[in-house]
Structure formats: C-alpha cells, structure tokens
Amino acid sequence: MSTIQKECADFLRTTFNNLTGSKLGSGHAHEIVAAYFGYCTAAALRAEPTYQLLL
C-alpha cells in the first residue's frame, strides 16, 4: 500500500538529487515530509490513527 508520505518523500529525494547532484537519505526525507504535515516525527505521522494519509 502506498501512502502520501512515501510518495512525497520519494519525490523530494528525486528532486533534491536532480537539483543538487547529492543524495537525500530516505529517513531524512520522511522526517521533512512529516514536519511539513505538522508532525514532530515521521513515526508520529505513521502512527496517526484518525487521519491517515493514504492514496
């Protein structure tokens, strides 16, 4: 099952690589996406029981 969080993190990693030539780690990308959605950690976003971000 794909989630919006995973899709956003993958897009962020690809875009970062294309723009800078550097690699962004998966964990860092997931933390950035979680912060964007207002969560303190990626684990908190994944554990959200009420408003899960599913595709």
N, C-alpha and C. Protein backbone atom coordinates (compact mmCIF):
# COMPACT_ATOMS: atom_id res chain seq x y z
N MET A 1 0.85 -1.17 0.00
CA MET A 1 0.00 0.00 0.00
C MET A 1 0.89 1.24 0.00
N SER A 2 0.58 2.16 -0.86
CA SER A 2 1.34 3.39 -0.97
C SER A 2 0.67 4.48 -0.14
N THR A 3 1.47 5.34 0.45
CA THR A 3 0.93 6.44 1.23
C THR A 3 1.39 7.75 0.63
N ILE A 4 0.68 8.80 0.96
CA ILE A 4 1.08 10.13 0.51
C ILE A 4 2.47 10.45 1.05
N GLN A 5 2.73 10.04 2.30
CA GLN A 5 4.04 10.31 2.90
C GLN A 5 5.16 9.69 2.06
N LYS A 6 4.99 8.45 1.63
CA LYS A 6 6.02 7.79 0.85
C LYS A 6 6.17 8.45 -0.52
N GLU A 7 5.04 8.76 -1.16
CA GLU A 7 5.09 9.41 -2.47
C GLU A 7 5.81 10.76 -2.37
N CYS A 8 5.49 11.53 -1.34
CA CYS A 8 6.13 12.84 -1.15
C CYS A 8 7.62 12.70 -0.86
N ALA A 9 7.98 11.74 -0.02
CA ALA A 9 9.39 11.53 0.31
C ALA A 9 10.18 11.09 -0.92
N ASP A 10 9.61 10.20 -1.72
CA ASP A 10 10.28 9.76 -2.95
C ASP A 10 10.46 10.92 -3.92
N PHE A 11 9.42 11.74 -4.07
CA PHE A 11 9.50 12.90 -4.95
C PHE A 11 10.56 13.88 -4.45
N LEU A 12 10.59 14.11 -3.14
CA LEU A 12 11.57 15.01 -2.54
C LEU A 12 12.99 14.51 -2.79
N ARG A 13 13.22 13.23 -2.60
CA ARG A 13 14.56 12.66 -2.82
C ARG A 13 14.98 12.80 -4.28
N THR A 14 14.08 12.52 -5.20
CA THR A 14 14.38 12.62 -6.63
C THR A 14 14.67 14.06 -7.02
N THR A 15 13.82 14.98 -6.56
CA THR A 15 14.00 16.39 -6.89
C THR A 15 15.30 16.92 -6.30
N PHE A 16 15.59 16.57 -5.06
CA PHE A 16 16.83 17.01 -4.41
C PHE A 16 18.04 16.51 -5.19
N ASN A 17 18.00 15.25 -5.60
CA ASN A 17 19.11 14.67 -6.36
C ASN A 17 19.27 15.38 -7.70
N ASN A 18 18.16 15.65 -8.39
CA ASN A 18 18.23 16.32 -9.69
C ASN A 18 18.76 17.74 -9.58
N LEU A 19 18.40 18.44 -8.51
CA LEU A 19 18.81 19.84 -8.36
C LEU A 19 20.23 20.00 -7.84
N THR A 20 20.66 19.09 -6.97
CA THR A 20 21.96 19.27 -6.32
C THR A 20 23.00 18.24 -6.72
N GLY A 21 22.58 17.12 -7.23
CA GLY A 21 23.51 16.04 -7.53
C GLY A 21 23.89 15.25 -6.29
N SER A 22 23.35 15.64 -5.14
CA SER A 22 23.61 14.94 -3.88
C SER A 22 22.43 14.04 -3.56
N LYS A 23 22.65 13.12 -2.63
CA LYS A 23 21.57 12.22 -2.24
C LYS A 23 21.01 12.64 -0.89
N LEU A 24 19.70 12.54 -0.78
CA LEU A 24 19.00 12.79 0.47
C LEU A 24 18.54 11.45 1.00
N GLY A 25 18.92 11.14 2.22
CA GLY A 25 18.56 9.85 2.80
C GLY A 25 17.05 9.70 2.95
N SER A 26 16.60 8.47 2.87
CA SER A 26 15.17 8.18 2.98
C SER A 26 14.60 8.66 4.31
N GLY A 27 15.30 8.37 5.38
CA GLY A 27 14.83 8.78 6.70
C GLY A 27 14.70 10.28 6.84
N HIS A 28 15.68 11.00 6.30
CA HIS A 28 15.63 12.46 6.35
C HIS A 28 14.46 12.98 5.53
N ALA A 29 14.23 12.40 4.37
CA ALA A 29 13.11 12.82 3.53
C ALA A 29 11.78 12.59 4.24
N HIS A 30 11.64 11.46 4.90
CA HIS A 30 10.39 11.17 5.61
C HIS A 30 10.19 12.12 6.78
N GLU A 31 11.26 12.50 7.47
CA GLU A 31 11.16 13.46 8.57
C GLU A 31 10.75 14.84 8.06
N ILE A 32 11.29 15.25 6.91
CA ILE A 32 10.93 16.54 6.32
C ILE A 32 9.45 16.55 5.93
N VAL A 33 8.99 15.48 5.33
CA VAL A 33 7.58 15.38 4.93
C VAL A 33 6.68 15.41 6.17
N ALA A 34 7.05 14.69 7.20
CA ALA A 34 6.25 14.69 8.43
C ALA A 34 6.18 16.10 9.02
N ALA A 35 7.30 16.80 9.03
CA ALA A 35 7.32 18.17 9.55
C ALA A 35 6.41 19.07 8.71
N TYR A 36 6.43 18.88 7.40
CA TYR A 36 5.57 19.67 6.52
C TYR A 36 4.09 19.47 6.87
N PHE A 37 3.72 18.25 7.21
CA PHE A 37 2.33 17.96 7.56
C PHE A 37 2.03 18.29 9.03
N GLY A 38 3.00 18.84 9.77
CA GLY A 38 2.76 19.30 11.13
C GLY A 38 3.05 18.31 12.23
N TYR A 39 3.76 17.23 11.92
CA TYR A 39 4.10 16.22 12.92
C TYR A 39 5.54 16.43 13.38
N CYS A 40 5.82 16.05 14.62
CA CYS A 40 7.18 16.20 15.15
C CYS A 40 8.13 15.16 14.59
N THR A 41 7.63 13.99 14.26
CA THR A 41 8.47 12.92 13.73
C THR A 41 7.70 12.13 12.67
N ALA A 42 8.44 11.40 11.85
CA ALA A 42 7.82 10.54 10.85
C ALA A 42 7.05 9.41 11.53
N ALA A 43 7.55 8.96 12.68
CA ALA A 43 6.86 7.90 13.42
C ALA A 43 5.49 8.38 13.89
N ALA A 44 5.40 9.63 14.31
CA ALA A 44 4.11 10.18 14.74
C ALA A 44 3.13 10.24 13.57
N LEU A 45 3.61 10.58 12.39
CA LEU A 45 2.75 10.61 11.21
C LEU A 45 2.27 9.21 10.85
N ARG A 46 3.17 8.22 10.91
CA ARG A 46 2.78 6.84 10.59
C ARG A 46 1.78 6.29 11.60
N ALA A 47 1.87 6.75 12.86
CA ALA A 47 1.02 6.22 13.92
C ALA A 47 -0.33 6.92 14.01
N GLU A 48 -0.56 7.91 13.17
CA GLU A 48 -1.82 8.67 13.20
C GLU A 48 -3.01 7.73 12.97
N PRO A 49 -3.88 7.54 13.97
CA PRO A 49 -4.98 6.60 13.81
C PRO A 49 -6.22 7.20 13.12
N THR A 50 -6.43 8.50 13.28
CA THR A 50 -7.66 9.11 12.80
C THR A 50 -7.59 9.61 11.38
N TYR A 51 -6.55 10.36 11.05
CA TYR A 51 -6.45 10.99 9.73
C TYR A 51 -5.25 10.45 8.98
N GLN A 52 -5.28 9.19 8.62
CA GLN A 52 -4.17 8.58 7.89
C GLN A 52 -4.10 9.15 6.49
N LEU A 53 -2.88 9.38 6.02
CA LEU A 53 -2.66 9.96 4.70
C LEU A 53 -2.42 8.84 3.70
N LEU A 54 -3.50 8.28 3.17
CA LEU A 54 -3.41 7.17 2.22
C LEU A 54 -3.78 7.65 0.83
N LEU A 55 -3.21 7.00 -0.18
CA LEU A 55 -3.58 7.29 -1.56
C LEU A 55 -4.78 6.48 -1.95
